[in-house]
Amino acid sequence: MGIRNYLIEGVSGTGKTSVATELQRRGYHVIHGDRELAYQGDPLTGERLDEAALRQNGQDVNFRHRHHIWNVGRVRSACADRSHPITFFCGGSRNSGRFIDLFDAVFVLEIDLETLKGRLAGRADDEFGGKPAELNVVLRAHATREDLPDDAIGIDATQPLGSVVDDILWRCGEGDRAGTGRE
């Protein structure tokens, strides 16, 4: 197992990518899960969906959402990499139950419904949640919490980005809550 590994989760629009970028800016090792680990596959087996399934169901936003998974082998390998004192994995997957035990802690970025709607209203069509059908999926996931890991540590992501990252780092034993970052 790596020295320390943390997962930062939340529904689309809660700030996972922004948090990841800020952590990187501060010098931390970050894996953007949705960019580096994700693919369309079976959440139970990890098998990639074949071209026929993708062609048949590719326009169904609910199908795409349910089959957005991370490569478990790559997650395990990154967690075992001891070359970084801390690795933050940022993003969401429908198969996190297959690797969540690898993390020292799991954080969920929490925002209220109005803040979420405001953030998603500013999204481009090519960002998930930017289209009406995708917005409906995100709003359902926010209301039901169906995709979020149980027993995660909630982080108030309505605060300014620096404060959100400071809170996460403090909970990881890095820096202090006042925002000085690394000690």
Foldseek 3Di string as FASTA:
>chain_A
DAQAEEEEEEFPQLQLVVLQVVCVVVPAAEDAQLPHFWAFADLVPRHHDDPVVCVVCVVPLVNRQLRTAGDQVVVVVVLPDHPGNYYYYTYFHQNCVVPVVSHPAYEYRDDDPVSSVVRLCPDDPVGQSVDPSSVVVRVVCNVVVVRPDPPHHYFHSVDPSQQSSLVVCVVVVADHNVRPGHD
